[in-house]
Amino acid sequence: MLDLVFPPSCVSCQRNGQAICDSCAQLVEPAELRQECLYCGREIPEVEVGLGSECPRCQAPLGLLRIASLHTGPMQSAIHALKYRGREELAPSLARYLRAVSAETPWPSLLKALDGIVPVPMHEEMLRERRYNQAGLLAACFAESAGRPFLEKAVLCLHATRSQVGLSRDERADNVRGKFRAVSELVEGKSLLLVDDVFTTGSTMRACAEAMRDAGADAIFGLALAGPSRGSNALLQ
C-alpha cells in the first residue's frame, strides 16, 4: 500500500518503482574471483579449501574470502544509501548478490558445514547514531536465505575509532588493532562466516578473524558485498 502511494525510487537513477531498478541492477559489476589469502595473497586452490579457512602457507585466520561485486556505479550508490541515508529496505535486495556468489564452488559445501553467520560488528556509539548495523542487516538476510544461524553478538566492537575512509593500508590496520573481541561461548569449535558490506584492504575482517581464532573458532571464512578490482590501490569511500 505504501509503495503505491509513495513508490520507492532507484538509489542510482532515481526512477520510481524499485529501490534498485532492473536497468541499474544489470549494471552492477561482479567482482573477480579472489580465492586468495588476505595476508600473503597466495591463491588457495579449491582442493585445499575443504581443509579449513587458514592459509596453508601462512596460517592466516581468514584464508578464504569472496567478494560479490565491484564498489562502483549502482552498487556504490546502493551501499552509500544503506549506510548513510537510512535505506534499510535495500538490505534484502543487496543480500541477493551475496547469495548469488555463494552458489559458486566451493561455497555450497562450505555453507552446509557452517555453524553460523557473523556480521562485522559496529560500536554501540555508532549504532546509536545510525540505528542499525548495515553489515548486520546483510548478514541476517543472507543467513535466512542460506538457512544458517545468525550470530549477531558473536563478535563485539570494544571501542570507537576514527573512520577508515581516507586512511592508508597501514593506518587502517592500526586503527582496528585490538578493536574486536569474540565471545568464546558462541564461536569456540565452530565453523563461521564473517559478512561485511565493503572490503577494502581487509584490515577489519582480519582483526575480526583474529579475535574469533583467539576465542577458539575452528574455521573462519569471509564474504563481502563489494570491493575494489584486483590490483586497485583506491581506498573506498
Protein backbone atom coordinates (compact mmCIF):
# COMPACT_ATOMS: atom_id res chain seq x y z
CA MET A 1 0.00 0.00 0.00
CA LEU A 2 2.77 2.42 0.95
CA ASP A 3 4.66 1.60 -2.24
CA LEU A 4 1.54 2.51 -4.24
CA VAL A 5 1.17 5.87 -2.51
CA PHE A 6 4.90 6.58 -2.10
CA PRO A 7 6.64 4.46 -4.75
CA PRO A 8 10.31 3.75 -3.99
CA SER A 9 12.89 5.34 -6.21
CA CYS A 10 16.01 3.69 -7.55
CA VAL A 11 19.06 4.67 -5.46
CA SER A 12 21.13 5.06 -8.62
CA CYS A 13 18.95 6.63 -11.34
CA GLN A 14 16.01 7.84 -9.14
CA ARG A 15 13.46 6.15 -11.41
CA ASN A 16 10.28 5.36 -9.47
CA GLY A 17 9.17 1.79 -8.91
CA GLN A 18 12.05 -0.14 -7.30
CA ALA A 19 14.80 0.54 -4.78
CA ILE A 20 17.25 -0.82 -7.38
CA CYS A 21 15.64 -0.78 -10.81
CA ASP A 22 16.19 -3.61 -13.28
CA SER A 23 18.32 -1.44 -15.55
CA CYS A 24 20.71 -0.42 -12.77
CA ALA A 25 20.81 -3.96 -11.39
CA GLN A 26 22.18 -5.06 -14.76
CA LEU A 27 25.00 -2.51 -14.41
CA VAL A 28 26.34 -3.99 -11.17
CA GLU A 29 29.79 -5.40 -11.99
CA PRO A 30 30.66 -8.78 -10.47
CA ALA A 31 33.99 -8.91 -8.69
CA GLU A 32 36.80 -11.09 -9.93
CA LEU A 33 37.15 -14.40 -8.13
CA ARG A 34 39.59 -13.72 -5.30
CA GLN A 35 40.05 -17.09 -3.68
CA GLU A 36 43.20 -15.91 -2.00
CA CYS A 37 44.75 -15.32 1.41
CA LEU A 38 44.18 -11.84 2.80
CA TYR A 39 47.64 -11.82 4.39
CA CYS A 40 50.09 -13.23 1.86
CA GLY A 41 48.00 -13.01 -1.33
CA ARG A 42 48.53 -16.68 -2.16
CA GLU A 43 45.79 -18.23 -4.29
CA ILE A 44 44.10 -21.03 -2.34
CA PRO A 45 43.41 -23.98 -4.68
CA GLU A 46 39.95 -25.49 -4.46
CA VAL A 47 41.40 -28.77 -3.27
CA GLU A 48 42.76 -27.03 -0.15
CA VAL A 49 39.60 -25.09 0.71
CA GLY A 50 37.94 -28.01 2.44
CA LEU A 51 40.88 -28.32 4.83
CA GLY A 52 39.77 -25.19 6.69
CA SER A 53 39.91 -21.44 6.29
CA GLU A 54 43.54 -20.96 7.32
CA CYS A 55 46.00 -20.26 4.56
CA PRO A 56 48.18 -23.35 4.10
CA ARG A 57 51.27 -21.16 3.69
CA CYS A 58 50.99 -18.51 6.42
CA GLN A 59 48.23 -19.90 8.67
CA ALA A 60 46.23 -16.67 8.45
CA PRO A 61 42.96 -16.97 10.41
CA LEU A 62 40.86 -15.86 7.43
CA GLY A 63 42.38 -17.52 4.42
CA LEU A 64 39.36 -17.61 2.10
CA LEU A 65 37.36 -14.59 1.00
CA ARG A 66 34.68 -14.00 -1.64
CA ILE A 67 33.58 -10.54 -2.82
CA ALA A 68 30.27 -10.27 -4.68
CA SER A 69 30.68 -7.09 -6.76
CA LEU A 70 32.83 -4.10 -7.54
CA HIS A 71 32.25 -0.97 -5.47
CA THR A 72 31.27 1.15 -8.46
CA GLY A 73 28.17 2.54 -10.18
CA PRO A 74 24.76 1.44 -8.86
CA MET A 75 26.31 -0.82 -6.20
CA GLN A 76 28.31 2.07 -4.75
CA SER A 77 25.14 4.22 -4.70
CA ALA A 78 23.15 1.45 -3.03
CA ILE A 79 25.73 0.82 -0.31
CA HIS A 80 26.02 4.55 0.37
CA ALA A 81 22.22 4.80 0.70
CA LEU A 82 22.12 1.79 3.03
CA LYS A 83 24.91 3.10 5.24
CA TYR A 84 24.27 6.82 5.36
CA ARG A 85 20.73 7.56 4.19
CA GLY A 86 18.70 5.15 6.29
CA ARG A 87 17.64 2.96 3.36
CA GLU A 88 17.34 -0.24 5.41
CA GLU A 89 14.90 -1.71 2.90
CA LEU A 90 17.81 -2.18 0.48
CA ALA A 91 19.35 -4.96 2.58
CA PRO A 92 17.29 -7.89 1.18
CA SER A 93 17.94 -6.81 -2.42
CA LEU A 94 21.67 -6.42 -1.80
CA ALA A 95 21.92 -9.70 0.11
CA ARG A 96 20.81 -11.47 -3.06
CA TYR A 97 24.21 -10.65 -4.56
CA LEU A 98 25.85 -12.46 -1.63
CA ARG A 99 23.58 -15.42 -2.21
CA ALA A 100 24.46 -15.48 -5.92
CA VAL A 101 28.23 -15.76 -5.38
CA SER A 102 27.74 -18.28 -2.57
CA ALA A 103 26.21 -20.61 -5.15
CA GLU A 104 29.62 -20.92 -6.82
CA THR A 105 32.05 -23.73 -5.99
CA PRO A 106 33.26 -24.36 -3.27
CA TRP A 107 30.79 -22.26 -1.28
CA PRO A 108 27.71 -24.55 -1.31
CA SER A 109 29.61 -27.25 0.59
CA LEU A 110 31.09 -24.67 2.96
CA LEU A 111 27.66 -23.20 3.74
CA LYS A 112 26.27 -26.62 4.63
CA ALA A 113 29.04 -27.08 7.18
CA LEU A 114 28.72 -23.62 8.75
CA ASP A 115 27.67 -23.31 12.38
CA GLY A 116 26.73 -19.67 11.97
CA ILE A 117 26.97 -16.39 10.08
CA VAL A 118 28.54 -13.44 11.87
CA PRO A 119 28.37 -9.76 10.88
CA VAL A 120 31.33 -7.44 11.28
CA PRO A 121 30.15 -5.51 14.36
CA MET A 122 29.65 -1.81 14.92
CA HIS A 123 30.49 0.05 18.12
CA GLU A 124 27.45 0.95 20.23
CA GLU A 125 28.20 4.65 19.86
CA MET A 126 27.94 4.44 16.08
CA LEU A 127 24.99 2.07 16.38
CA ARG A 128 23.04 4.66 18.37
CA GLU A 129 23.83 7.28 15.73
CA ARG A 130 22.99 5.12 12.70
CA ARG A 131 20.24 2.98 14.38
CA TYR A 132 21.40 -0.20 12.65
CA ASN A 133 24.49 -2.06 11.51
CA GLN A 134 24.40 -2.40 7.73
CA ALA A 135 26.63 -5.49 7.87
CA GLY A 136 24.20 -6.97 10.38
CA LEU A 137 21.22 -6.39 8.07
CA LEU A 138 23.04 -8.03 5.16
CA ALA A 139 24.22 -10.95 7.28
CA ALA A 140 20.74 -11.53 8.73
CA CYS A 141 19.14 -11.60 5.26
CA PHE A 142 21.86 -13.89 3.94
CA ALA A 143 21.63 -16.23 6.94
CA GLU A 144 17.86 -16.56 6.47
CA SER A 145 18.19 -17.39 2.77
CA ALA A 146 21.05 -19.83 3.44
CA GLY A 147 19.23 -21.50 6.33
CA ARG A 148 22.13 -20.98 8.75
CA PRO A 149 22.09 -19.46 12.28
CA PHE A 150 22.62 -15.71 12.54
CA LEU A 151 25.09 -14.99 15.37
CA GLU A 152 24.74 -11.24 15.73
CA LYS A 153 26.67 -10.97 19.03
CA ALA A 154 29.47 -13.45 18.31
CA VAL A 155 31.98 -10.61 17.78
CA LEU A 156 31.85 -7.36 19.73
CA CYS A 157 33.34 -3.96 18.89
CA LEU A 158 35.10 -2.78 22.06
CA HIS A 159 35.81 0.84 21.29
CA ALA A 160 35.04 3.51 18.74
CA THR A 161 37.73 4.51 16.27
CA ARG A 162 38.03 7.14 13.59
CA SER A 163 36.55 6.37 10.21
CA GLN A 164 38.61 4.18 7.90
CA VAL A 165 37.83 6.43 4.93
CA GLY A 166 40.97 8.07 3.57
CA LEU A 167 43.39 6.05 5.72
CA SER A 168 46.33 4.20 4.23
CA ARG A 169 46.60 0.41 4.44
CA ASP A 170 48.90 0.60 7.49
CA GLU A 171 46.75 3.26 9.16
CA ARG A 172 43.66 1.10 8.68
CA ALA A 173 45.39 -1.86 10.32
CA ASP A 174 46.49 0.29 13.28
CA ASN A 175 43.01 1.80 13.56
CA VAL A 176 41.32 -1.58 14.18
CA ARG A 177 44.05 -3.32 16.18
CA GLY A 178 42.55 -4.63 19.43
CA LYS A 179 39.13 -3.27 18.50
CA PHE A 180 37.22 -6.56 18.47
CA ARG A 181 36.53 -9.40 20.90
CA ALA A 182 34.82 -12.67 20.07
CA VAL A 183 32.53 -14.42 22.56
CA SER A 184 34.05 -17.85 23.14
CA GLU A 185 30.69 -19.40 24.07
CA LEU A 186 29.41 -18.56 20.58
CA VAL A 187 32.47 -19.28 18.44
CA GLU A 188 34.59 -21.96 20.11
CA GLY A 189 34.98 -25.05 17.96
CA LYS A 190 32.71 -23.66 15.24
CA SER A 191 32.96 -23.04 11.52
CA LEU A 192 31.82 -19.48 10.86
CA LEU A 193 31.30 -16.99 8.05
CA LEU A 194 32.11 -13.29 8.52
CA VAL A 195 29.97 -10.88 6.48
CA ASP A 196 30.70 -7.22 5.74
CA ASP A 197 29.36 -4.65 3.31
CA VAL A 198 32.64 -3.34 1.87
CA PHE A 199 36.07 -4.95 1.72
CA THR A 200 38.91 -2.52 1.05
CA THR A 201 42.27 -3.65 2.46
CA GLY A 202 40.93 -6.46 4.66
CA SER A 203 42.06 -4.82 7.92
CA THR A 204 38.67 -5.03 9.61
CA MET A 205 37.95 -8.62 8.54
CA ARG A 206 41.44 -9.69 9.58
CA ALA A 207 41.02 -8.13 13.01
CA CYS A 208 37.65 -9.85 13.48
CA ALA A 209 39.05 -13.19 12.31
CA GLU A 210 41.99 -12.92 14.70
CA ALA A 211 39.60 -12.28 17.60
CA MET A 212 37.49 -15.28 16.57
CA ARG A 213 40.53 -17.54 16.30
CA ASP A 214 41.76 -16.37 19.72
CA ALA A 215 38.33 -17.31 21.11
CA GLY A 216 38.61 -20.83 19.70
CA ALA A 217 36.81 -20.73 16.33
CA ASP A 218 37.66 -23.78 14.25
CA ALA A 219 37.36 -22.26 10.75
CA ILE A 220 36.57 -18.73 9.57
CA PHE A 221 35.56 -17.62 6.07
CA GLY A 222 34.75 -14.18 4.67
CA LEU A 223 32.06 -12.79 2.39
CA ALA A 224 31.75 -9.13 1.39
CA LEU A 225 29.19 -7.35 -0.74
CA ALA A 226 31.62 -5.10 -2.62
CA GLY A 227 35.29 -4.36 -3.05
CA PRO A 228 37.89 -2.85 -5.38
CA SER A 229 39.09 -4.52 -8.56
CA ARG A 230 42.20 -6.67 -8.35
CA GLY A 231 45.31 -4.53 -8.22
CA SER A 232 43.38 -1.35 -7.38
CA ASN A 233 45.07 0.97 -4.91
CA ALA A 234 41.97 3.07 -4.36
CA LEU A 235 40.63 3.33 -0.80
CA LEU A 236 36.87 3.06 -0.96
CA GLN A 237 34.51 5.68 0.40
